[in-house]
Amino acid sequence: MDFRPLTETERKELVNALRGNAQDGLTVLMDRANTGFIGTTEEVPDEEVINAIRSVPCHY
């Protein structure tokens, strides 16, 4: 995987999203294909929550 620093615009968007998460409880969204930041939302669909839970490896 190649490292690519954030552009100034990307950095500002990410900082604002993290601030919104800390202050207002907004959800920070991530692209499943490349784990890149894709924005924020107030409400996450149930299907997204289920997919996130399924993606966590469980070993019994």
PDB file of N, CA and C in Angstrom:
ATOM      1  N   MET A   1       0.843  -1.169   0.000  1.00  0.00           N
ATOM      2  CA  MET A   1       0.000   0.000   0.000  1.00  0.00           C
ATOM      3  C   MET A   1       0.895   1.241   0.000  1.00  0.00           C
ATOM      4  N   ASP A   2       0.633   2.146  -0.890  1.00  0.00           N
ATOM      5  CA  ASP A   2       1.417   3.375  -0.995  1.00  0.00           C
ATOM      6  C   ASP A   2       0.850   4.447  -0.088  1.00  0.00           C
ATOM      7  N   PHE A   3       1.750   5.143   0.604  1.00  0.00           N
ATOM      8  CA  PHE A   3       1.324   6.256   1.455  1.00  0.00           C
ATOM      9  C   PHE A   3       1.090   7.482   0.598  1.00  0.00           C
ATOM     10  N   ARG A   4      -0.042   8.126   0.804  1.00  0.00           N
ATOM     11  CA  ARG A   4      -0.352   9.368   0.104  1.00  0.00           C
ATOM     12  C   ARG A   4      -0.876  10.333   1.144  1.00  0.00           C
ATOM     13  N   PRO A   5      -0.143  11.420   1.413  1.00  0.00           N
ATOM     14  CA  PRO A   5      -0.625  12.377   2.413  1.00  0.00           C
ATOM     15  C   PRO A   5      -1.935  13.030   1.961  1.00  0.00           C
ATOM     16  N   LEU A   6      -2.742  13.432   2.939  1.00  0.00           N
ATOM     17  CA  LEU A   6      -4.001  14.106   2.633  1.00  0.00           C
ATOM     18  C   LEU A   6      -3.743  15.462   2.006  1.00  0.00           C
ATOM     19  N   THR A   7      -4.605  15.828   1.080  1.00  0.00           N
ATOM     20  CA  THR A   7      -4.543  17.191   0.565  1.00  0.00           C
ATOM     21  C   THR A   7      -5.096  18.124   1.642  1.00  0.00           C
ATOM     22  N   GLU A   8      -4.885  19.390   1.482  1.00  0.00           N
ATOM     23  CA  GLU A   8      -5.375  20.355   2.473  1.00  0.00           C
ATOM     24  C   GLU A   8      -6.896  20.279   2.615  1.00  0.00           C
ATOM     25  N   THR A   9      -7.597  20.113   1.497  1.00  0.00           N
ATOM     26  CA  THR A   9      -9.059  20.000   1.529  1.00  0.00           C
ATOM     27  C   THR A   9      -9.492  18.732   2.262  1.00  0.00           C
ATOM     28  N   GLU A  10      -8.841  17.607   1.952  1.00  0.00           N
ATOM     29  CA  GLU A  10      -9.170  16.348   2.629  1.00  0.00           C
ATOM     30  C   GLU A  10      -8.917  16.449   4.130  1.00  0.00           C
ATOM     31  N   ARG A  11      -7.804  17.073   4.489  1.00  0.00           N
ATOM     32  CA  ARG A  11      -7.466  17.225   5.898  1.00  0.00           C
ATOM     33  C   ARG A  11      -8.510  18.050   6.629  1.00  0.00           C
ATOM     34  N   LYS A  12      -8.945  19.158   6.021  1.00  0.00           N
ATOM     35  CA  LYS A  12      -9.963  20.007   6.649  1.00  0.00           C
ATOM     36  C   LYS A  12     -11.281  19.265   6.818  1.00  0.00           C
ATOM     37  N   GLU A  13     -11.686  18.502   5.779  1.00  0.00           N
ATOM     38  CA  GLU A  13     -12.932  17.732   5.847  1.00  0.00           C
ATOM     39  C   GLU A  13     -12.868  16.682   6.952  1.00  0.00           C
ATOM     40  N   LEU A  14     -11.724  16.007   7.064  1.00  0.00           N
ATOM     41  CA  LEU A  14     -11.571  14.988   8.089  1.00  0.00           C
ATOM     42  C   LEU A  14     -11.566  15.598   9.489  1.00  0.00           C
ATOM     43  N   VAL A  15     -10.874  16.703   9.665  1.00  0.00           N
ATOM     44  CA  VAL A  15     -10.852  17.381  10.970  1.00  0.00           C
ATOM     45  C   VAL A  15     -12.260  17.835  11.350  1.00  0.00           C
ATOM     46  N   ASN A  16     -12.988  18.394  10.409  1.00  0.00           N
ATOM     47  CA  ASN A  16     -14.368  18.817  10.682  1.00  0.00           C
ATOM     48  C   ASN A  16     -15.260  17.627  11.021  1.00  0.00           C
ATOM     49  N   ALA A  17     -15.061  16.502  10.334  1.00  0.00           N
ATOM     50  CA  ALA A  17     -15.848  15.298  10.616  1.00  0.00           C
ATOM     51  C   ALA A  17     -15.541  14.772  12.020  1.00  0.00           C
ATOM     52  N   LEU A  18     -14.266  14.744  12.378  1.00  0.00           N
ATOM     53  CA  LEU A  18     -13.892  14.279  13.717  1.00  0.00           C
ATOM     54  C   LEU A  18     -14.422  15.218  14.793  1.00  0.00           C
ATOM     55  N   ARG A  19     -14.384  16.507  14.515  1.00  0.00           N
ATOM     56  CA  ARG A  19     -14.936  17.484  15.459  1.00  0.00           C
ATOM     57  C   ARG A  19     -16.447  17.283  15.597  1.00  0.00           C
ATOM     58  N   GLY A  20     -17.128  17.054  14.473  1.00  0.00           N
ATOM     59  CA  GLY A  20     -18.564  16.803  14.506  1.00  0.00           C
ATOM     60  C   GLY A  20     -18.901  15.537  15.274  1.00  0.00           C
ATOM     61  N   ASN A  21     -18.041  14.532  15.161  1.00  0.00           N
ATOM     62  CA  ASN A  21     -18.247  13.288  15.907  1.00  0.00           C
ATOM     63  C   ASN A  21     -18.102  13.538  17.400  1.00  0.00           C
ATOM     64  N   ALA A  22     -17.073  14.270  17.778  1.00  0.00           N
ATOM     65  CA  ALA A  22     -16.826  14.515  19.196  1.00  0.00           C
ATOM     66  C   ALA A  22     -17.874  15.440  19.816  1.00  0.00           C
ATOM     67  N   GLN A  23     -18.304  16.458  19.081  1.00  0.00           N
ATOM     68  CA  GLN A  23     -19.206  17.453  19.645  1.00  0.00           C
ATOM     69  C   GLN A  23     -20.678  17.121  19.455  1.00  0.00           C
ATOM     70  N   ASP A  24     -21.024  16.571  18.302  1.00  0.00           N
ATOM     71  CA  ASP A  24     -22.436  16.373  17.962  1.00  0.00           C
ATOM     72  C   ASP A  24     -22.835  14.910  17.796  1.00  0.00           C
ATOM     73  N   GLY A  25     -21.891  13.991  17.935  1.00  0.00           N
ATOM     74  CA  GLY A  25     -22.201  12.575  17.796  1.00  0.00           C
ATOM     75  C   GLY A  25     -22.418  12.121  16.365  1.00  0.00           C
ATOM     76  N   LEU A  26     -21.922  12.890  15.367  1.00  0.00           N
ATOM     77  CA  LEU A  26     -22.064  12.474  13.974  1.00  0.00           C
ATOM     78  C   LEU A  26     -21.229  11.230  13.711  1.00  0.00           C
ATOM     79  N   THR A  27     -21.690  10.389  12.814  1.00  0.00           N
ATOM     80  CA  THR A  27     -20.971   9.191  12.430  1.00  0.00           C
ATOM     81  C   THR A  27     -19.987   9.521  11.324  1.00  0.00           C
ATOM     82  N   VAL A  28     -18.742   9.085  11.478  1.00  0.00           N
ATOM     83  CA  VAL A  28     -17.722   9.269  10.454  1.00  0.00           C
ATOM     84  C   VAL A  28     -17.785   8.058   9.533  1.00  0.00           C
ATOM     85  N   LEU A  29     -17.973   8.295   8.236  1.00  0.00           N
ATOM     86  CA  LEU A  29     -18.133   7.211   7.264  1.00  0.00           C
ATOM     87  C   LEU A  29     -16.809   6.877   6.581  1.00  0.00           C
ATOM     88  N   MET A  30     -16.653   5.589   6.239  1.00  0.00           N
ATOM     89  CA  MET A  30     -15.433   5.106   5.627  1.00  0.00           C
ATOM     90  C   MET A  30     -15.794   4.251   4.415  1.00  0.00           C
ATOM     91  N   ASP A  31     -15.052   4.406   3.340  1.00  0.00           N
ATOM     92  CA  ASP A  31     -15.264   3.614   2.133  1.00  0.00           C
ATOM     93  C   ASP A  31     -14.801   2.179   2.387  1.00  0.00           C
ATOM     94  N   ARG A  32     -15.689   1.209   2.158  1.00  0.00           N
ATOM     95  CA  ARG A  32     -15.340  -0.198   2.402  1.00  0.00           C
ATOM     96  C   ARG A  32     -14.249  -0.698   1.472  1.00  0.00           C
ATOM     97  N   ALA A  33     -14.165  -0.133   0.279  1.00  0.00           N
ATOM     98  CA  ALA A  33     -13.203  -0.622  -0.702  1.00  0.00           C
ATOM     99  C   ALA A  33     -11.758  -0.244  -0.359  1.00  0.00           C
ATOM    100  N   ASN A  34     -11.571   0.980   0.157  1.00  0.00           N
ATOM    101  CA  ASN A  34     -10.191   1.415   0.390  1.00  0.00           C
ATOM    102  C   ASN A  34      -9.974   2.068   1.759  1.00  0.00           C
ATOM    103  N   THR A  35     -10.948   1.995   2.628  1.00  0.00           N
ATOM    104  CA  THR A  35     -10.926   2.570   3.988  1.00  0.00           C
ATOM    105  C   THR A  35     -10.680   4.076   3.990  1.00  0.00           C
ATOM    106  N   GLY A  36     -10.982   4.742   2.898  1.00  0.00           N
ATOM    107  CA  GLY A  36     -10.855   6.195   2.837  1.00  0.00           C
ATOM    108  C   GLY A  36     -12.058   6.884   3.461  1.00  0.00           C
ATOM    109  N   PHE A  37     -11.854   8.101   3.919  1.00  0.00           N
ATOM    110  CA  PHE A  37     -12.903   8.911   4.520  1.00  0.00           C
ATOM    111  C   PHE A  37     -13.871   9.367   3.442  1.00  0.00           C
ATOM    112  N   ILE A  38     -15.194   9.232   3.701  1.00  0.00           N
ATOM    113  CA  ILE A  38     -16.176   9.662   2.694  1.00  0.00           C
ATOM    114  C   ILE A  38     -17.255  10.582   3.248  1.00  0.00           C
ATOM    115  N   GLY A  39     -17.097  11.066   4.467  1.00  0.00           N
ATOM    116  CA  GLY A  39     -18.066  12.026   4.982  1.00  0.00           C
ATOM    117  C   GLY A  39     -18.623  11.658   6.344  1.00  0.00           C
ATOM    118  N   THR A  40     -19.716  12.321   6.704  1.00  0.00           N
ATOM    119  CA  THR A  40     -20.375  12.071   7.986  1.00  0.00           C
ATOM    120  C   THR A  40     -21.877  11.989   7.772  1.00  0.00           C
ATOM    121  N   THR A  41     -22.559  11.472   8.762  1.00  0.00           N
ATOM    122  CA  THR A  41     -24.009  11.395   8.716  1.00  0.00           C
ATOM    123  C   THR A  41     -24.550  11.343  10.141  1.00  0.00           C
ATOM    124  N   GLU A  42     -25.791  11.727  10.295  1.00  0.00           N
ATOM    125  CA  GLU A  42     -26.429  11.642  11.603  1.00  0.00           C
ATOM    126  C   GLU A  42     -27.009  10.257  11.840  1.00  0.00           C
ATOM    127  N   GLU A  43     -27.458   9.605  10.777  1.00  0.00           N
ATOM    128  CA  GLU A  43     -28.140   8.318  10.891  1.00  0.00           C
ATOM    129  C   GLU A  43     -27.451   7.294   9.987  1.00  0.00           C
ATOM    130  N   VAL A  44     -27.166   6.129  10.508  1.00  0.00           N
ATOM    131  CA  VAL A  44     -26.543   5.063   9.738  1.00  0.00           C
ATOM    132  C   VAL A  44     -27.597   3.984   9.489  1.00  0.00           C
ATOM    133  N   PRO A  45     -27.779   3.568   8.226  1.00  0.00           N
ATOM    134  CA  PRO A  45     -28.759   2.521   7.931  1.00  0.00           C
ATOM    135  C   PRO A  45     -28.403   1.209   8.632  1.00  0.00           C
ATOM    136  N   ASP A  46     -29.422   0.450   9.014  1.00  0.00           N
ATOM    137  CA  ASP A  46     -29.213  -0.823   9.710  1.00  0.00           C
ATOM    138  C   ASP A  46     -28.296  -1.749   8.927  1.00  0.00           C
ATOM    139  N   GLU A  47     -28.435  -1.776   7.612  1.00  0.00           N
ATOM    140  CA  GLU A  47     -27.612  -2.660   6.777  1.00  0.00           C
ATOM    141  C   GLU A  47     -26.121  -2.335   6.924  1.00  0.00           C
ATOM    142  N   GLU A  48     -25.786  -1.062   7.034  1.00  0.00           N
ATOM    143  CA  GLU A  48     -24.380  -0.672   7.228  1.00  0.00           C
ATOM    144  C   GLU A  48     -23.866  -1.140   8.581  1.00  0.00           C
ATOM    145  N   VAL A  49     -24.685  -1.051   9.602  1.00  0.00           N
ATOM    146  CA  VAL A  49     -24.289  -1.505  10.939  1.00  0.00           C
ATOM    147  C   VAL A  49     -24.069  -3.013  10.925  1.00  0.00           C
ATOM    148  N   ILE A  50     -24.964  -3.746  10.289  1.00  0.00           N
ATOM    149  CA  ILE A  50     -24.838  -5.204  10.210  1.00  0.00           C
ATOM    150  C   ILE A  50     -23.571  -5.582   9.452  1.00  0.00           C
ATOM    151  N   ASN A  51     -23.277  -4.913   8.349  1.00  0.00           N
ATOM    152  CA  ASN A  51     -22.059  -5.196   7.587  1.00  0.00           C
ATOM    153  C   ASN A  51     -20.811  -4.905   8.414  1.00  0.00           C
ATOM    154  N   ALA A  52     -20.826  -3.839   9.195  1.00  0.00           N
ATOM    155  CA  ALA A  52     -19.679  -3.511  10.044  1.00  0.00           C
ATOM    156  C   ALA A  52     -19.462  -4.593  11.095  1.00  0.00           C
ATOM    157  N   ILE A  53     -20.535  -5.062  11.696  1.00  0.00           N
ATOM    158  CA  ILE A  53     -20.422  -6.115  12.707  1.00  0.00           C
ATOM    159  C   ILE A  53     -19.906  -7.403  12.071  1.00  0.00           C
ATOM    160  N   ARG A  54     -20.400  -7.738  10.905  1.00  0.00           N
ATOM    161  CA  ARG A  54     -19.955  -8.959  10.221  1.00  0.00           C
ATOM    162  C   ARG A  54     -18.485  -8.893   9.818  1.00  0.00           C
ATOM    163  N   SER A  55     -17.951  -7.711   9.616  1.00  0.00           N
ATOM    164  CA  SER A  55     -16.571  -7.576   9.173  1.00  0.00           C
ATOM    165  C   SER A  55     -15.562  -7.795  10.300  1.00  0.00           C
ATOM    166  N   VAL A  56     -16.016  -7.822  11.544  1.00  0.00           N
ATOM    167  CA  VAL A  56     -15.113  -8.021  12.674  1.00  0.00           C
ATOM    168  C   VAL A  56     -14.832  -9.516  12.816  1.00  0.00           C
ATOM    169  N   PRO A  57     -13.561  -9.913  12.741  1.00  0.00           N
ATOM    170  CA  PRO A  57     -13.265 -11.343  12.871  1.00  0.00           C
ATOM    171  C   PRO A  57     -13.556 -11.847  14.277  1.00  0.00           C
ATOM    172  N   CYS A  58     -14.172 -13.006  14.346  1.00  0.00           N
ATOM    173  CA  CYS A  58     -14.475 -13.649  15.626  1.00  0.00           C
ATOM    174  C   CYS A  58     -13.865 -15.038  15.631  1.00  0.00           C
ATOM    175  N   HIS A  59     -13.140 -15.348  16.686  1.00  0.00           N
ATOM    176  CA  HIS A  59     -12.507 -16.667  16.801  1.00  0.00           C
ATOM    177  C   HIS A  59     -13.050 -17.332  18.049  1.00  0.00           C
ATOM    178  N   TYR A  60     -13.533 -18.526  17.898  1.00  0.00           N
ATOM    179  CA  TYR A  60     -14.091 -19.268  19.022  1.00  0.00           C
ATOM    180  C   TYR A  60     -13.136 -20.354  19.451  1.00  0.00           C
TER     181      TYR A  60
END
